[in-house]
Amino acid sequence: MKPVHESGGLKTGRRFSHTECFFRSGIDSWHSHWPSGDGEGGFRNFHNLGREYFAVSARERAAEMAVFVLMILASAWPVIYMVVTVVKLLCKGRAGLV
């Protein structure tokens, strides 16, 4: 059960609980410095953060491109082998006609 405020209240008979209106957040102890655990003594520069991101992104893109090239070569060699075989077959067929 909620505590009720014992003052007059409304004419309808409802009473409201007492609310503390003098809350202090303790902003006086904040000194505009946020400690970081990265060992650099502060936040990293946005430029450095972007450079690190793009370096990691470039490494990942290179690895993905190497895997993609291997997949293309693995799927293309049967087609290349077929073309070579058909050319050899056609050359043999013409040699027999002459």
PDB file of N, CA and C in Angstrom:
ATOM      1  N   MET A   1       0.839  -1.174   0.000  1.00  0.00           N
ATOM      2  CA  MET A   1       0.000   0.000   0.000  1.00  0.00           C
ATOM      3  C   MET A   1       0.885   1.239   0.000  1.00  0.00           C
ATOM      4  N   LYS A   2       0.561   2.220  -0.834  1.00  0.00           N
ATOM      5  CA  LYS A   2       1.349   3.440  -0.938  1.00  0.00           C
ATOM      6  C   LYS A   2       0.998   4.389   0.195  1.00  0.00           C
ATOM      7  N   PRO A   3       2.017   5.115   0.668  1.00  0.00           N
ATOM      8  CA  PRO A   3       1.711   6.126   1.692  1.00  0.00           C
ATOM      9  C   PRO A   3       0.944   7.277   1.063  1.00  0.00           C
ATOM     10  N   VAL A   4       0.061   7.867   1.800  1.00  0.00           N
ATOM     11  CA  VAL A   4      -0.724   8.990   1.285  1.00  0.00           C
ATOM     12  C   VAL A   4      -0.309  10.260   1.996  1.00  0.00           C
ATOM     13  N   HIS A   5      -0.399  11.336   1.242  1.00  0.00           N
ATOM     14  CA  HIS A   5      -0.083  12.644   1.801  1.00  0.00           C
ATOM     15  C   HIS A   5      -1.282  13.100   2.633  1.00  0.00           C
ATOM     16  N   GLU A   6      -1.027  13.555   3.806  1.00  0.00           N
ATOM     17  CA  GLU A   6      -2.106  13.851   4.738  1.00  0.00           C
ATOM     18  C   GLU A   6      -2.672  15.257   4.620  1.00  0.00           C
ATOM     19  N   SER A   7      -2.220  16.054   3.646  1.00  0.00           N
ATOM     20  CA  SER A   7      -2.777  17.402   3.533  1.00  0.00           C
ATOM     21  C   SER A   7      -4.131  17.342   2.838  1.00  0.00           C
ATOM     22  N   GLY A   8      -4.755  18.454   2.640  1.00  0.00           N
ATOM     23  CA  GLY A   8      -6.121  18.591   2.164  1.00  0.00           C
ATOM     24  C   GLY A   8      -6.519  17.741   0.974  1.00  0.00           C
ATOM     25  N   GLY A   9      -5.743  17.674  -0.087  1.00  0.00           N
ATOM     26  CA  GLY A   9      -6.095  16.877  -1.247  1.00  0.00           C
ATOM     27  C   GLY A   9      -7.205  17.522  -2.057  1.00  0.00           C
ATOM     28  N   LEU A  10      -7.740  16.791  -3.001  1.00  0.00           N
ATOM     29  CA  LEU A  10      -8.807  17.292  -3.855  1.00  0.00           C
ATOM     30  C   LEU A  10     -10.164  17.091  -3.191  1.00  0.00           C
ATOM     31  N   LYS A  11     -11.166  17.729  -3.740  1.00  0.00           N
ATOM     32  CA  LYS A  11     -12.508  17.602  -3.185  1.00  0.00           C
ATOM     33  C   LYS A  11     -13.121  16.245  -3.494  1.00  0.00           C
ATOM     34  N   THR A  12     -12.525  15.525  -4.483  1.00  0.00           N
ATOM     35  CA  THR A  12     -13.069  14.214  -4.837  1.00  0.00           C
ATOM     36  C   THR A  12     -12.702  13.167  -3.800  1.00  0.00           C
ATOM     37  N   GLY A  13     -11.787  13.481  -2.922  1.00  0.00           N
ATOM     38  CA  GLY A  13     -11.414  12.543  -1.887  1.00  0.00           C
ATOM     39  C   GLY A  13     -10.141  11.769  -2.203  1.00  0.00           C
ATOM     40  N   ARG A  14      -9.564  11.920  -3.417  1.00  0.00           N
ATOM     41  CA  ARG A  14      -8.317  11.217  -3.729  1.00  0.00           C
ATOM     42  C   ARG A  14      -7.161  11.934  -3.055  1.00  0.00           C
ATOM     43  N   ARG A  15      -6.239  11.158  -2.616  1.00  0.00           N
ATOM     44  CA  ARG A  15      -5.038  11.730  -2.013  1.00  0.00           C
ATOM     45  C   ARG A  15      -3.825  11.220  -2.780  1.00  0.00           C
ATOM     46  N   PHE A  16      -2.799  12.026  -2.882  1.00  0.00           N
ATOM     47  CA  PHE A  16      -1.613  11.700  -3.657  1.00  0.00           C
ATOM     48  C   PHE A  16      -0.438  11.464  -2.733  1.00  0.00           C
ATOM     49  N   SER A  17       0.506  10.608  -3.197  1.00  0.00           N
ATOM     50  CA  SER A  17       1.702  10.362  -2.393  1.00  0.00           C
ATOM     51  C   SER A  17       2.639  11.560  -2.491  1.00  0.00           C
ATOM     52  N   HIS A  18       3.446  11.723  -1.491  1.00  0.00           N
ATOM     53  CA  HIS A  18       4.386  12.835  -1.418  1.00  0.00           C
ATOM     54  C   HIS A  18       5.563  12.559  -2.348  1.00  0.00           C
ATOM     55  N   THR A  19       5.938  13.550  -3.168  1.00  0.00           N
ATOM     56  CA  THR A  19       7.036  13.401  -4.111  1.00  0.00           C
ATOM     57  C   THR A  19       8.175  14.307  -3.685  1.00  0.00           C
ATOM     58  N   GLU A  20       9.399  13.738  -3.694  1.00  0.00           N
ATOM     59  CA  GLU A  20      10.588  14.527  -3.358  1.00  0.00           C
ATOM     60  C   GLU A  20      10.984  15.326  -4.584  1.00  0.00           C
ATOM     61  N   CYS A  21      10.970  16.646  -4.475  1.00  0.00           N
ATOM     62  CA  CYS A  21      11.260  17.519  -5.606  1.00  0.00           C
ATOM     63  C   CYS A  21      12.644  18.141  -5.544  1.00  0.00           C
ATOM     64  N   PHE A  22      13.458  17.784  -4.581  1.00  0.00           N
ATOM     65  CA  PHE A  22      14.757  18.417  -4.410  1.00  0.00           C
ATOM     66  C   PHE A  22      15.886  17.418  -4.640  1.00  0.00           C
ATOM     67  N   PHE A  23      15.831  16.682  -5.730  1.00  0.00           N
ATOM     68  CA  PHE A  23      16.851  15.702  -6.068  1.00  0.00           C
ATOM     69  C   PHE A  23      18.080  16.400  -6.627  1.00  0.00           C
ATOM     70  N   ARG A  24      19.270  15.992  -6.158  1.00  0.00           N
ATOM     71  CA  ARG A  24      20.531  16.517  -6.693  1.00  0.00           C
ATOM     72  C   ARG A  24      21.289  15.360  -7.316  1.00  0.00           C
ATOM     73  N   SER A  25      21.746  15.544  -8.520  1.00  0.00           N
ATOM     74  CA  SER A  25      22.382  14.452  -9.249  1.00  0.00           C
ATOM     75  C   SER A  25      23.861  14.304  -8.915  1.00  0.00           C
ATOM     76  N   GLY A  26      24.457  15.207  -8.216  1.00  0.00           N
ATOM     77  CA  GLY A  26      25.882  15.114  -7.904  1.00  0.00           C
ATOM     78  C   GLY A  26      26.758  15.587  -9.048  1.00  0.00           C
ATOM     79  N   ILE A  27      26.297  16.523  -9.827  1.00  0.00           N
ATOM     80  CA  ILE A  27      27.046  17.028 -10.972  1.00  0.00           C
ATOM     81  C   ILE A  27      28.286  17.807 -10.514  1.00  0.00           C
ATOM     82  N   ASP A  28      28.328  18.230  -9.258  1.00  0.00           N
ATOM     83  CA  ASP A  28      29.470  18.993  -8.749  1.00  0.00           C
ATOM     84  C   ASP A  28      30.754  18.175  -8.762  1.00  0.00           C
ATOM     85  N   SER A  29      30.652  16.873  -8.656  1.00  0.00           N
ATOM     86  CA  SER A  29      31.857  16.048  -8.599  1.00  0.00           C
ATOM     87  C   SER A  29      32.372  15.673  -9.983  1.00  0.00           C
ATOM     88  N   TRP A  30      31.683  16.060 -11.041  1.00  0.00           N
ATOM     89  CA  TRP A  30      32.117  15.736 -12.395  1.00  0.00           C
ATOM     90  C   TRP A  30      33.083  16.804 -12.867  1.00  0.00           C
ATOM     91  N   HIS A  31      34.246  16.380 -13.356  1.00  0.00           N
ATOM     92  CA  HIS A  31      35.294  17.343 -13.735  1.00  0.00           C
ATOM     93  C   HIS A  31      35.576  17.343 -15.228  1.00  0.00           C
ATOM     94  N   SER A  32      34.639  16.978 -16.052  1.00  0.00           N
ATOM     95  CA  SER A  32      34.733  16.955 -17.510  1.00  0.00           C
ATOM     96  C   SER A  32      35.893  16.109 -18.013  1.00  0.00           C
ATOM     97  N   HIS A  33      36.212  15.040 -17.335  1.00  0.00           N
ATOM     98  CA  HIS A  33      37.242  14.109 -17.786  1.00  0.00           C
ATOM     99  C   HIS A  33      36.707  12.705 -17.637  1.00  0.00           C
ATOM    100  N   TRP A  34      36.738  11.953 -18.710  1.00  0.00           N
ATOM    101  CA  TRP A  34      36.259  10.582 -18.666  1.00  0.00           C
ATOM    102  C   TRP A  34      37.457   9.661 -18.773  1.00  0.00           C
ATOM    103  N   PRO A  35      37.741   8.866 -17.764  1.00  0.00           N
ATOM    104  CA  PRO A  35      38.912   7.989 -17.844  1.00  0.00           C
ATOM    105  C   PRO A  35      38.706   6.896 -18.882  1.00  0.00           C
ATOM    106  N   SER A  36      39.759   6.610 -19.640  1.00  0.00           N
ATOM    107  CA  SER A  36      39.653   5.558 -20.655  1.00  0.00           C
ATOM    108  C   SER A  36      40.648   4.460 -20.332  1.00  0.00           C
ATOM    109  N   GLY A  37      40.348   3.275 -20.768  1.00  0.00           N
ATOM    110  CA  GLY A  37      41.203   2.147 -20.491  1.00  0.00           C
ATOM    111  C   GLY A  37      42.086   1.770 -21.654  1.00  0.00           C
ATOM    112  N   ASP A  38      42.258   2.652 -22.657  1.00  0.00           N
ATOM    113  CA  ASP A  38      43.041   2.286 -23.829  1.00  0.00           C
ATOM    114  C   ASP A  38      44.522   2.593 -23.666  1.00  0.00           C
ATOM    115  N   GLY A  39      44.946   3.147 -22.557  1.00  0.00           N
ATOM    116  CA  GLY A  39      46.359   3.379 -22.304  1.00  0.00           C
ATOM    117  C   GLY A  39      46.902   4.640 -22.930  1.00  0.00           C
ATOM    118  N   GLU A  40      46.114   5.389 -23.649  1.00  0.00           N
ATOM    119  CA  GLU A  40      46.594   6.603 -24.307  1.00  0.00           C
ATOM    120  C   GLU A  40      46.307   7.854 -23.483  1.00  0.00           C
ATOM    121  N   GLY A  41      45.627   7.694 -22.390  1.00  0.00           N
ATOM    122  CA  GLY A  41      45.345   8.839 -21.544  1.00  0.00           C
ATOM    123  C   GLY A  41      44.150   9.651 -21.997  1.00  0.00           C
ATOM    124  N   GLY A  42      43.356   9.189 -22.888  1.00  0.00           N
ATOM    125  CA  GLY A  42      42.180   9.928 -23.355  1.00  0.00           C
ATOM    126  C   GLY A  42      41.552   9.231 -24.537  1.00  0.00           C
ATOM    127  N   PHE A  43      40.598   9.905 -25.114  1.00  0.00           N
ATOM    128  CA  PHE A  43      39.935   9.327 -26.277  1.00  0.00           C
ATOM    129  C   PHE A  43      40.850   9.361 -27.487  1.00  0.00           C
ATOM    130  N   ARG A  44      40.678   8.371 -28.354  1.00  0.00           N
ATOM    131  CA  ARG A  44      41.453   8.372 -29.591  1.00  0.00           C
ATOM    132  C   ARG A  44      40.874   9.383 -30.560  1.00  0.00           C
ATOM    133  N   ASN A  45      41.727   9.912 -31.339  1.00  0.00           N
ATOM    134  CA  ASN A  45      41.341  10.879 -32.348  1.00  0.00           C
ATOM    135  C   ASN A  45      40.415  10.216 -33.365  1.00  0.00           C
ATOM    136  N   PHE A  46      39.407  10.917 -33.842  1.00  0.00           N
ATOM    137  CA  PHE A  46      38.472  10.371 -34.817  1.00  0.00           C
ATOM    138  C   PHE A  46      39.184   9.965 -36.095  1.00  0.00           C
ATOM    139  N   HIS A  47      40.180  10.739 -36.480  1.00  0.00           N
ATOM    140  CA  HIS A  47      40.949  10.424 -37.688  1.00  0.00           C
ATOM    141  C   HIS A  47      41.682   9.099 -37.527  1.00  0.00           C
ATOM    142  N   ASN A  48      42.299   8.880 -36.372  1.00  0.00           N
ATOM    143  CA  ASN A  48      43.007   7.627 -36.128  1.00  0.00           C
ATOM    144  C   ASN A  48      42.038   6.445 -36.095  1.00  0.00           C
ATOM    145  N   LEU A  49      40.886   6.650 -35.529  1.00  0.00           N
ATOM    146  CA  LEU A  49      39.888   5.597 -35.476  1.00  0.00           C
ATOM    147  C   LEU A  49      39.425   5.220 -36.879  1.00  0.00           C
ATOM    148  N   GLY A  50      39.191   6.221 -37.718  1.00  0.00           N
ATOM    149  CA  GLY A  50      38.807   5.966 -39.102  1.00  0.00           C
ATOM    150  C   GLY A  50      39.903   5.259 -39.876  1.00  0.00           C
ATOM    151  N   ARG A  51      41.146   5.671 -39.660  1.00  0.00           N
ATOM    152  CA  ARG A  51      42.269   5.040 -40.350  1.00  0.00           C
ATOM    153  C   ARG A  51      42.398   3.570 -39.959  1.00  0.00           C
ATOM    154  N   GLU A  52      42.239   3.274 -38.666  1.00  0.00           N
ATOM    155  CA  GLU A  52      42.293   1.884 -38.212  1.00  0.00           C
ATOM    156  C   GLU A  52      41.167   1.061 -38.827  1.00  0.00           C
ATOM    157  N   TYR A  53      39.979   1.633 -38.877  1.00  0.00           N
ATOM    158  CA  TYR A  53      38.835   0.927 -39.457  1.00  0.00           C
ATOM    159  C   TYR A  53      39.086   0.595 -40.920  1.00  0.00           C
ATOM    160  N   PHE A  54      39.565   1.564 -41.696  1.00  0.00           N
ATOM    161  CA  PHE A  54      39.783   1.328 -43.114  1.00  0.00           C
ATOM    162  C   PHE A  54      40.941   0.371 -43.355  1.00  0.00           C
ATOM    163  N   ALA A  55      41.946   0.345 -42.482  1.00  0.00           N
ATOM    164  CA  ALA A  55      43.039  -0.610 -42.622  1.00  0.00           C
ATOM    165  C   ALA A  55      42.537  -2.035 -42.407  1.00  0.00           C
ATOM    166  N   VAL A  56      41.733  -2.236 -41.381  1.00  0.00           N
ATOM    167  CA  VAL A  56      41.178  -3.567 -41.124  1.00  0.00           C
ATOM    168  C   VAL A  56      40.224  -3.958 -42.249  1.00  0.00           C
ATOM    169  N   SER A  57      39.443  -3.008 -42.721  1.00  0.00           N
ATOM    170  CA  SER A  57      38.510  -3.269 -43.813  1.00  0.00           C
ATOM    171  C   SER A  57      39.257  -3.669 -45.085  1.00  0.00           C
ATOM    172  N   ALA A  58      40.389  -3.019 -45.372  1.00  0.00           N
ATOM    173  CA  ALA A  58      41.170  -3.347 -46.568  1.00  0.00           C
ATOM    174  C   ALA A  58      41.761  -4.750 -46.462  1.00  0.00           C
ATOM    175  N   ARG A  59      42.231  -5.136 -45.274  1.00  0.00           N
ATOM    176  CA  ARG A  59      42.767  -6.488 -45.096  1.00  0.00           C
ATOM    177  C   ARG A  59      41.681  -7.532 -45.303  1.00  0.00           C
ATOM    178  N   GLU A  60      40.506  -7.295 -44.738  1.00  0.00           N
ATOM    179  CA  GLU A  60      39.408  -8.239 -44.900  1.00  0.00           C
ATOM    180  C   GLU A  60      38.964  -8.314 -46.362  1.00  0.00           C
ATOM    181  N   ARG A  61      38.925  -7.175 -47.042  1.00  0.00           N
ATOM    182  CA  ARG A  61      38.527  -7.154 -48.447  1.00  0.00           C
ATOM    183  C   ARG A  61      39.524  -7.917 -49.303  1.00  0.00           C
ATOM    184  N   ALA A  62      40.829  -7.804 -49.014  1.00  0.00           N
ATOM    185  CA  ALA A  62      41.848  -8.535 -49.766  1.00  0.00           C
ATOM    186  C   ALA A  62      41.696 -10.039 -49.558  1.00  0.00           C
ATOM    187  N   ALA A  63      41.435 -10.458 -48.328  1.00  0.00           N
ATOM    188  CA  ALA A  63      41.253 -11.887 -48.056  1.00  0.00           C
ATOM    189  C   ALA A  63      40.003 -12.410 -48.771  1.00  0.00           C
ATOM    190  N   GLU A  64      38.932 -11.656 -48.743  1.00  0.00           N
ATOM    191  CA  GLU A  64      37.710 -12.077 -49.431  1.00  0.00           C
ATOM    192  C   GLU A  64      37.915 -12.138 -50.939  1.00  0.00           C
ATOM    193  N   MET A  65      38.697 -11.210 -51.483  1.00  0.00           N
ATOM    194  CA  MET A  65      38.960 -11.213 -52.918  1.00  0.00           C
ATOM    195  C   MET A  65      39.792 -12.431 -53.308  1.00  0.00           C
ATOM    196  N   ALA A  66      40.750 -12.827 -52.484  1.00  0.00           N
ATOM    197  CA  ALA A  66      41.563 -14.010 -52.776  1.00  0.00           C
ATOM    198  C   ALA A  66      40.691 -15.265 -52.786  1.00  0.00           C
ATOM    199  N   VAL A  67      39.793 -15.397 -51.841  1.00  0.00           N
ATOM    200  CA  VAL A  67      38.893 -16.549 -51.806  1.00  0.00           C
ATOM    201  C   VAL A  67      37.967 -16.529 -53.022  1.00  0.00           C
ATOM    202  N   PHE A  68      37.487 -15.369 -53.404  1.00  0.00           N
ATOM    203  CA  PHE A  68      36.610 -15.241 -54.567  1.00  0.00           C
ATOM    204  C   PHE A  68      37.335 -15.663 -55.850  1.00  0.00           C
ATOM    205  N   VAL A  69      38.601 -15.253 -56.014  1.00  0.00           N
ATOM    206  CA  VAL A  69      39.385 -15.629 -57.195  1.00  0.00           C
ATOM    207  C   VAL A  69      39.580 -17.139 -57.233  1.00  0.00           C
ATOM    208  N   LEU A  70      39.858 -17.765 -56.089  1.00  0.00           N
ATOM    209  CA  LEU A  70      39.993 -19.223 -56.046  1.00  0.00           C
ATOM    210  C   LEU A  70      38.697 -19.918 -56.445  1.00  0.00           C
ATOM    211  N   MET A  71      37.574 -19.381 -56.009  1.00  0.00           N
ATOM    212  CA  MET A  71      36.280 -19.966 -56.384  1.00  0.00           C
ATOM    213  C   MET A  71      36.031 -19.828 -57.881  1.00  0.00           C
ATOM    214  N   ILE A  72      36.366 -18.690 -58.460  1.00  0.00           N
ATOM    215  CA  ILE A  72      36.168 -18.479 -59.896  1.00  0.00           C
ATOM    216  C   ILE A  72      37.057 -19.417 -60.697  1.00  0.00           C
ATOM    217  N   LEU A  73      38.317 -19.568 -60.277  1.00  0.00           N
ATOM    218  CA  LEU A  73      39.219 -20.475 -60.988  1.00  0.00           C
ATOM    219  C   LEU A  73      38.749 -21.920 -60.884  1.00  0.00           C
ATOM    220  N   ALA A  74      38.274 -22.314 -59.703  1.00  0.00           N
ATOM    221  CA  ALA A  74      37.792 -23.688 -59.526  1.00  0.00           C
ATOM    222  C   ALA A  74      36.549 -23.956 -60.360  1.00  0.00           C
ATOM    223  N   SER A  75      35.720 -22.976 -60.562  1.00  0.00           N
ATOM    224  CA  SER A  75      34.515 -23.189 -61.365  1.00  0.00           C
ATOM    225  C   SER A  75      34.777 -22.998 -62.857  1.00  0.00           C
ATOM    226  N   ALA A  76      35.861 -22.318 -63.245  1.00  0.00           N
ATOM    227  CA  ALA A  76      36.133 -22.052 -64.652  1.00  0.00           C
ATOM    228  C   ALA A  76      36.968 -23.149 -65.307  1.00  0.00           C
ATOM    229  N   TRP A  77      37.753 -23.913 -64.549  1.00  0.00           N
ATOM    230  CA  TRP A  77      38.641 -24.878 -65.195  1.00  0.00           C
ATOM    231  C   TRP A  77      37.891 -25.969 -65.947  1.00  0.00           C
ATOM    232  N   PRO A  78      36.728 -26.457 -65.519  1.00  0.00           N
ATOM    233  CA  PRO A  78      36.028 -27.451 -66.357  1.00  0.00           C
ATOM    234  C   PRO A  78      35.564 -26.865 -67.698  1.00  0.00           C
ATOM    235  N   VAL A  79      35.156 -25.606 -67.689  1.00  0.00           N
ATOM    236  CA  VAL A  79      34.715 -24.963 -68.929  1.00  0.00           C
ATOM    237  C   VAL A  79      35.898 -24.809 -69.879  1.00  0.00           C
ATOM    238  N   ILE A  80      37.032 -24.377 -69.368  1.00  0.00           N
ATOM    239  CA  ILE A  80      38.236 -24.217 -70.192  1.00  0.00           C
ATOM    240  C   ILE A  80      38.677 -25.579 -70.740  1.00  0.00           C
ATOM    241  N   TYR A  81      38.653 -26.606 -69.912  1.00  0.00           N
ATOM    242  CA  TYR A  81      39.033 -27.953 -70.339  1.00  0.00           C
ATOM    243  C   TYR A  81      38.098 -28.455 -71.447  1.00  0.00           C
ATOM    244  N   MET A  82      36.802 -28.162 -71.325  1.00  0.00           N
ATOM    245  CA  MET A  82      35.837 -28.569 -72.339  1.00  0.00           C
ATOM    246  C   MET A  82      36.125 -27.876 -73.673  1.00  0.00           C
ATOM    247  N   VAL A  83      36.420 -26.590 -73.643  1.00  0.00           N
ATOM    248  CA  VAL A  83      36.705 -25.844 -74.872  1.00  0.00           C
ATOM    249  C   VAL A  83      37.949 -26.417 -75.548  1.00  0.00           C
ATOM    250  N   VAL A  84      38.982 -26.697 -74.774  1.00  0.00           N
ATOM    251  CA  VAL A  84      40.208 -27.271 -75.342  1.00  0.00           C
ATOM    252  C   VAL A  84      39.918 -28.633 -75.971  1.00  0.00           C
ATOM    253  N   THR A  85      39.126 -29.456 -75.298  1.00  0.00           N
ATOM    254  CA  THR A  85      38.791 -30.780 -75.824  1.00  0.00           C
ATOM    255  C   THR A  85      37.982 -30.680 -77.117  1.00  0.00           C
ATOM    256  N   VAL A  86      37.028 -29.785 -77.182  1.00  0.00           N
ATOM    257  CA  VAL A  86      36.221 -29.604 -78.400  1.00  0.00           C
ATOM    258  C   VAL A  86      37.095 -29.118 -79.541  1.00  0.00           C
ATOM    259  N   VAL A  87      38.018 -28.206 -79.287  1.00  0.00           N
ATOM    260  CA  VAL A  87      38.917 -27.705 -80.340  1.00  0.00           C
ATOM    261  C   VAL A  87      39.784 -28.847 -80.855  1.00  0.00           C
ATOM    262  N   LYS A  88      40.310 -29.686 -79.958  1.00  0.00           N
ATOM    263  CA  LYS A  88      41.126 -30.819 -80.385  1.00  0.00           C
ATOM    264  C   LYS A  88      40.295 -31.795 -81.217  1.00  0.00           C
ATOM    265  N   LEU A  89      39.071 -32.049 -80.804  1.00  0.00           N
ATOM    266  CA  LEU A  89      38.185 -32.957 -81.530  1.00  0.00           C
ATOM    267  C   LEU A  89      37.877 -32.426 -82.926  1.00  0.00           C
ATOM    268  N   LEU A  90      37.623 -31.138 -83.036  1.00  0.00           N
ATOM    269  CA  LEU A  90      37.344 -30.543 -84.330  1.00  0.00           C
ATOM    270  C   LEU A  90      38.573 -30.575 -85.249  1.00  0.00           C
ATOM    271  N   CYS A  91      39.739 -30.349 -84.666  1.00  0.00           N
ATOM    272  CA  CYS A  91      40.973 -30.394 -85.476  1.00  0.00           C
ATOM    273  C   CYS A  91      41.217 -31.813 -85.990  1.00  0.00           C
ATOM    274  N   LYS A  92      40.958 -32.842 -85.168  1.00  0.00           N
ATOM    275  CA  LYS A  92      41.112 -34.235 -85.596  1.00  0.00           C
ATOM    276  C   LYS A  92      40.115 -34.575 -86.680  1.00  0.00           C
ATOM    277  N   GLY A  93      38.902 -34.097 -86.582  1.00  0.00           N
ATOM    278  CA  GLY A  93      37.851 -34.366 -87.556  1.00  0.00           C
ATOM    279  C   GLY A  93      38.179 -33.785 -88.915  1.00  0.00           C
ATOM    280  N   ARG A  94      38.765 -32.610 -88.959  1.00  0.00           N
ATOM    281  CA  ARG A  94      39.132 -31.967 -90.223  1.00  0.00           C
ATOM    282  C   ARG A  94      40.329 -32.679 -90.852  1.00  0.00           C
ATOM    283  N   ALA A  95      41.228 -33.178 -90.030  1.00  0.00           N
ATOM    284  CA  ALA A  95      42.402 -33.862 -90.560  1.00  0.00           C
ATOM    285  C   ALA A  95      41.993 -35.156 -91.256  1.00  0.00           C
ATOM    286  N   GLY A  96      40.928 -35.804 -90.740  1.00  0.00           N
ATOM    287  CA  GLY A  96      40.459 -37.045 -91.340  1.00  0.00           C
ATOM    288  C   GLY A  96      39.692 -36.816 -92.631  1.00  0.00           C
ATOM    289  N   LEU A  97      39.130 -35.630 -92.839  1.00  0.00           N
ATOM    290  CA  LEU A  97      38.365 -35.327 -94.034  1.00  0.00           C
ATOM    291  C   LEU A  97      39.249 -35.032 -95.246  1.00  0.00           C
ATOM    292  N   VAL A  98      40.455 -34.596 -95.027  1.00  0.00           N
ATOM    293  CA  VAL A  98      41.315 -34.180 -96.133  1.00  0.00           C
ATOM    294  C   VAL A  98      41.983 -35.332 -96.764  1.00  0.00           C
TER     295      VAL A  98
END
